[in-house]
Amino acid sequence: MRNIACCAGAVLPLMIWAAPPGAAEPMPAPAPTAAPCPDVEVVFARGTFEPAGVGQVGQSFVDALTARTAGRSVDIYPVNYPASLDFATAADGVVDAANKVRDTAARCPDTKIVLGGYSQGAAVAAYITEDAVPAGFTLPPGITGPLPPEVDNHVSAVVLFGKPSSGFLQMIYTGAPPINVGSRFTTKTIDLCIPEDPVCSPTGSDNATHVQYADNGMADQAAQFAVAHLQSAGADQLLSQSAAHR
């Protein structure tokens, strides 16, 4: 985000060789297999200017979550998008994250998804939860509309850190659609904002607070929230499976 620092090759040679006379032909490489489905899939969008990956806030959240999910496999998916000051390219992140959620729901129906983001990445994550396309807004290429209910049921929790307020958003990108968490996600979303953070708080005036989410205890708070909803989702799944076998 503007004025916020955190919100702000070698080419391998081909090895060509011939088997000596009488030598056995090399065994063909085994066909690639699909990765096993994890118990939990974390889809996280980093903040502006953070290097590729989940970013510092995302890593703090992931560390806190995995510490609380002993015995469960947790896979991490960093949303692929520029995370630059060109906020219009946040749409790339919305497309990538939504596709990952859809793919995980289809390929791994028993996997619980945790969706999250920090700063601009929180906007990316929140946009995915929208109930409908805002009136008068034309969707960018690659986005067809909100997640269908049968897909968003696979999302157990949404964690947002420093999500841009409407005022801040319009200041950096006039005409951007409002960032609203959809009604199907409100009860499973935690939206964390330091009161002094001017990115997410209309009354905030301390830029330094925007880079404190990784260390101020909110990553732990979000992890506790996510684990509670993962446990609830697991219990609901067991009940539905039990009912189906009666």
Protein backbone atom coordinates (compact mmCIF):
# COMPACT_ATOMS: atom_id res chain seq x y z
CA MET A 1 0.00 0.00 0.00
CA ARG A 2 1.15 3.53 -0.72
CA ASN A 3 3.56 4.90 1.92
CA ILE A 4 3.43 1.60 3.86
CA ALA A 5 6.68 -0.26 3.33
CA CYS A 6 5.39 -3.75 4.05
CA CYS A 7 1.79 -3.39 2.89
CA ALA A 8 4.74 -2.29 2.44
CA GLY A 9 19.83 -18.24 -13.23
CA ALA A 10 21.52 -20.71 -13.84
CA VAL A 11 20.34 -22.89 -16.71
CA LEU A 12 20.96 -26.57 -16.11
CA PRO A 13 22.72 -28.25 -19.06
CA LEU A 14 21.05 -31.23 -20.66
CA MET A 15 22.91 -34.41 -19.83
CA ILE A 16 22.96 -36.65 -22.93
CA TRP A 17 24.55 -40.03 -22.56
CA ALA A 18 24.56 -43.38 -24.33
CA ALA A 19 24.50 -46.74 -22.61
CA PRO A 20 27.62 -48.83 -23.20
CA PRO A 21 27.21 -51.97 -25.32
CA GLY A 22 25.38 -54.68 -23.45
CA ALA A 23 24.22 -52.36 -20.71
CA ALA A 24 20.61 -52.49 -19.65
CA GLU A 25 18.39 -49.72 -20.92
CA PRO A 26 17.71 -47.11 -18.25
CA MET A 27 14.42 -47.55 -16.46
CA PRO A 28 11.81 -44.97 -17.45
CA ALA A 29 10.98 -42.40 -14.81
CA PRO A 30 7.78 -43.21 -12.92
CA ALA A 31 4.73 -41.24 -13.95
CA PRO A 32 4.04 -38.30 -11.65
CA THR A 33 1.31 -38.87 -9.11
CA ALA A 34 -1.06 -36.36 -7.62
CA ALA A 35 -0.05 -34.98 -4.26
CA PRO A 36 -1.97 -36.54 -1.37
CA CYS A 37 -4.80 -34.48 0.03
CA PRO A 38 -3.91 -32.67 3.26
CA ASP A 39 -6.22 -32.42 6.24
CA VAL A 40 -5.96 -28.62 6.06
CA GLU A 41 -5.14 -26.35 3.12
CA VAL A 42 -4.11 -22.77 3.96
CA VAL A 43 -4.58 -20.36 1.05
CA PHE A 44 -2.91 -17.07 2.05
CA ALA A 45 -2.28 -13.82 0.16
CA ARG A 46 0.70 -11.71 1.25
CA GLY A 47 0.77 -7.93 1.66
CA THR A 48 2.09 -5.27 -0.70
CA PHE A 49 5.83 -5.41 -1.44
CA GLU A 50 6.31 -8.65 0.49
CA PRO A 51 8.39 -11.21 -1.47
CA ALA A 52 6.71 -14.20 -3.05
CA GLY A 53 5.33 -16.63 -0.48
CA VAL A 54 2.88 -16.05 2.34
CA GLY A 55 4.81 -13.12 3.81
CA GLN A 56 5.82 -12.45 7.39
CA VAL A 57 2.29 -12.17 8.77
CA GLY A 58 1.19 -15.24 6.85
CA GLN A 59 4.14 -17.26 8.13
CA SER A 60 3.44 -16.24 11.73
CA PHE A 61 -0.16 -17.35 11.29
CA VAL A 62 0.83 -20.63 9.64
CA ASP A 63 3.34 -21.39 12.40
CA ALA A 64 0.73 -20.73 15.08
CA LEU A 65 -1.86 -22.83 13.23
CA THR A 66 0.38 -25.85 12.65
CA ALA A 67 1.44 -25.78 16.31
CA ARG A 68 -2.24 -26.18 17.21
CA THR A 69 -3.06 -28.89 14.67
CA ALA A 70 -0.69 -31.64 15.79
CA GLY A 71 -1.51 -34.90 14.05
CA ARG A 72 -3.06 -33.17 11.05
CA SER A 73 -1.32 -32.52 7.76
CA VAL A 74 -1.29 -28.85 6.77
CA ASP A 75 -0.46 -27.68 3.24
CA ILE A 76 0.36 -24.04 2.50
CA TYR A 77 -0.57 -22.31 -0.77
CA PRO A 78 0.83 -18.79 -1.28
CA VAL A 79 -1.51 -16.85 -3.57
CA ASN A 80 0.25 -15.93 -6.79
CA TYR A 81 -0.17 -12.24 -7.57
CA PRO A 82 2.08 -9.15 -7.87
CA ALA A 83 1.25 -7.56 -4.47
CA SER A 84 2.33 -4.21 -5.90
CA LEU A 85 1.08 -0.65 -5.66
CA ASP A 86 -0.93 -1.30 -8.80
CA PHE A 87 -4.01 -2.36 -6.85
CA ALA A 88 -5.84 -3.35 -10.03
CA THR A 89 -3.56 -6.40 -10.19
CA ALA A 90 -5.11 -7.65 -6.96
CA ALA A 91 -7.62 -9.19 -9.36
CA ASP A 92 -4.86 -11.64 -10.35
CA GLY A 93 -4.80 -12.80 -6.74
CA VAL A 94 -8.57 -13.12 -6.59
CA VAL A 95 -8.49 -15.35 -9.68
CA ASP A 96 -5.60 -17.47 -8.40
CA ALA A 97 -6.99 -17.93 -4.89
CA ALA A 98 -10.52 -18.68 -6.09
CA ASN A 99 -9.18 -21.26 -8.53
CA LYS A 100 -7.15 -22.89 -5.75
CA VAL A 101 -10.20 -23.07 -3.49
CA ARG A 102 -12.31 -24.58 -6.29
CA ASP A 103 -9.60 -27.08 -7.23
CA THR A 104 -9.05 -28.17 -3.63
CA ALA A 105 -12.79 -28.60 -3.04
CA ALA A 106 -13.12 -30.74 -6.18
CA ARG A 107 -9.93 -32.80 -5.81
CA CYS A 108 -9.87 -33.15 -2.03
CA PRO A 109 -13.46 -32.95 -0.75
CA ASP A 110 -12.46 -33.90 2.81
CA THR A 111 -9.78 -31.20 3.07
CA LYS A 112 -10.68 -28.19 5.22
CA ILE A 113 -9.64 -24.87 3.68
CA VAL A 114 -8.44 -21.83 5.64
CA LEU A 115 -8.45 -18.68 3.53
CA GLY A 116 -6.47 -15.64 4.64
CA GLY A 117 -4.54 -12.54 3.76
CA TYR A 118 -2.71 -9.50 5.05
CA SER A 119 -3.25 -5.90 3.91
CA GLN A 120 -3.80 -5.99 0.13
CA GLY A 121 -3.86 -9.77 0.51
CA ALA A 122 -6.73 -9.43 3.01
CA ALA A 123 -8.65 -7.57 0.32
CA VAL A 124 -7.93 -10.43 -2.10
CA ALA A 125 -9.22 -13.00 0.38
CA ALA A 126 -12.31 -10.98 1.29
CA TYR A 127 -13.27 -10.38 -2.34
CA ILE A 128 -13.45 -14.16 -2.83
CA THR A 129 -16.18 -14.39 -0.19
CA GLU A 130 -18.47 -11.76 -1.75
CA ASP A 131 -22.13 -12.71 -2.19
CA ALA A 132 -22.50 -10.97 -5.53
CA VAL A 133 -20.71 -8.78 -8.04
CA PRO A 134 -21.14 -5.11 -7.04
CA ALA A 135 -23.66 -3.25 -9.20
CA GLY A 136 -22.06 -1.56 -12.18
CA PHE A 137 -18.71 -3.32 -11.73
CA THR A 138 -17.31 -5.25 -14.67
CA LEU A 139 -15.43 -8.38 -13.68
CA PRO A 140 -11.85 -8.62 -14.94
CA PRO A 141 -10.84 -11.59 -17.10
CA GLY A 142 -10.64 -14.87 -15.23
CA ILE A 143 -13.34 -14.06 -12.68
CA THR A 144 -16.80 -15.43 -13.38
CA GLY A 145 -18.52 -14.52 -10.12
CA PRO A 146 -18.77 -15.52 -6.46
CA LEU A 147 -17.88 -18.98 -5.22
CA PRO A 148 -20.86 -21.34 -5.47
CA PRO A 149 -22.31 -22.51 -2.13
CA GLU A 150 -21.16 -26.09 -2.68
CA VAL A 151 -17.59 -24.81 -2.87
CA ASP A 152 -17.55 -22.25 -0.08
CA ASN A 153 -18.84 -24.92 2.30
CA HIS A 154 -15.33 -26.37 2.10
CA VAL A 155 -13.87 -23.15 3.56
CA SER A 156 -13.78 -23.62 7.33
CA ALA A 157 -12.29 -20.26 8.32
CA VAL A 158 -11.23 -16.90 6.89
CA VAL A 159 -8.55 -14.84 8.62
CA LEU A 160 -7.92 -11.22 7.64
CA PHE A 161 -5.14 -8.95 8.93
CA GLY A 162 -5.17 -5.20 8.31
CA LYS A 163 -7.83 -5.30 5.60
CA PRO A 164 -8.00 -1.88 3.87
CA SER A 165 -10.92 0.30 4.93
CA SER A 166 -13.21 1.73 2.26
CA GLY A 167 -11.68 5.18 2.73
CA PHE A 168 -8.10 3.96 2.42
CA LEU A 169 -9.01 1.81 -0.57
CA GLN A 170 -10.54 4.71 -2.47
CA MET A 171 -7.53 6.85 -1.64
CA ILE A 172 -5.16 4.42 -3.38
CA TYR A 173 -7.48 3.08 -6.10
CA THR A 174 -10.49 5.20 -6.97
CA GLY A 175 -13.36 3.10 -8.20
CA ALA A 176 -12.33 -0.13 -6.51
CA PRO A 177 -15.33 -2.20 -5.43
CA PRO A 178 -16.04 -2.17 -1.69
CA ILE A 179 -14.47 -4.95 0.34
CA ASN A 180 -17.22 -6.84 2.11
CA VAL A 181 -17.16 -10.32 3.60
CA GLY A 182 -20.05 -12.30 2.14
CA SER A 183 -22.97 -13.37 4.32
CA ARG A 184 -22.11 -17.08 3.98
CA PHE A 185 -18.69 -16.38 5.48
CA THR A 186 -19.33 -13.84 8.24
CA THR A 187 -19.60 -16.35 11.09
CA LYS A 188 -16.37 -18.09 10.07
CA THR A 189 -14.34 -14.91 9.48
CA ILE A 190 -12.05 -13.07 11.87
CA ASP A 191 -11.19 -9.54 10.68
CA LEU A 192 -8.27 -8.20 12.73
CA CYS A 193 -7.30 -4.53 12.75
CA ILE A 194 -5.00 -2.64 15.11
CA PRO A 195 -7.01 0.47 16.11
CA GLU A 196 -4.08 2.78 15.32
CA ASP A 197 -3.48 1.23 11.87
CA PRO A 198 -4.51 3.81 9.22
CA VAL A 199 -4.85 1.14 6.54
CA CYS A 200 -7.76 -0.64 8.20
CA SER A 201 -8.96 1.86 10.82
CA PRO A 202 -10.57 5.15 9.73
CA THR A 203 -9.23 6.78 12.91
CA GLY A 204 -5.75 5.22 12.76
CA SER A 205 -2.76 7.51 12.39
CA ASP A 206 0.31 5.39 13.19
CA ASN A 207 1.77 3.85 10.03
CA ALA A 208 4.18 1.73 12.07
CA THR A 209 1.34 -0.35 13.49
CA HIS A 210 0.56 -1.82 10.08
CA VAL A 211 3.67 -4.01 10.25
CA GLN A 212 3.01 -5.36 13.76
CA TYR A 213 0.49 -8.13 13.00
CA ALA A 214 3.14 -10.84 12.92
CA ASP A 215 4.38 -10.05 16.44
CA ASN A 216 1.51 -8.54 18.45
CA GLY A 217 -0.37 -11.76 19.24
CA MET A 218 -2.98 -11.43 16.50
CA ALA A 219 -1.48 -14.30 14.49
CA ASP A 220 -2.06 -16.53 17.53
CA GLN A 221 -5.57 -15.13 17.94
CA ALA A 222 -6.37 -15.93 14.31
CA ALA A 223 -4.91 -19.43 14.65
CA GLN A 224 -7.08 -20.14 17.70
CA PHE A 225 -10.13 -18.95 15.76
CA ALA A 226 -9.26 -21.10 12.75
CA VAL A 227 -8.65 -24.22 14.84
CA ALA A 228 -12.01 -23.81 16.58
CA HIS A 229 -13.75 -23.65 13.20
CA LEU A 230 -11.73 -26.56 11.83
CA GLN A 231 -12.87 -28.65 14.78
CA SER A 232 -16.47 -27.53 14.28
CA ALA A 233 -16.31 -28.36 10.57
CA GLY A 234 -14.86 -31.78 11.38
CA ALA A 235 -17.66 -32.51 13.83
CA ASP A 236 -20.27 -31.42 11.29
CA GLN A 237 -18.73 -33.71 8.69
CA LEU A 238 -18.79 -36.68 11.05
CA LEU A 239 -22.45 -36.04 11.84
CA SER A 240 -23.38 -35.80 8.17
CA GLN A 241 -21.48 -39.02 7.36
CA SER A 242 -23.19 -40.77 10.26
CA ALA A 243 -26.62 -39.63 9.06
CA ALA A 244 -25.86 -40.80 5.53
CA HIS A 245 -25.10 -44.33 6.77
CA ARG A 246 -28.25 -44.72 8.86
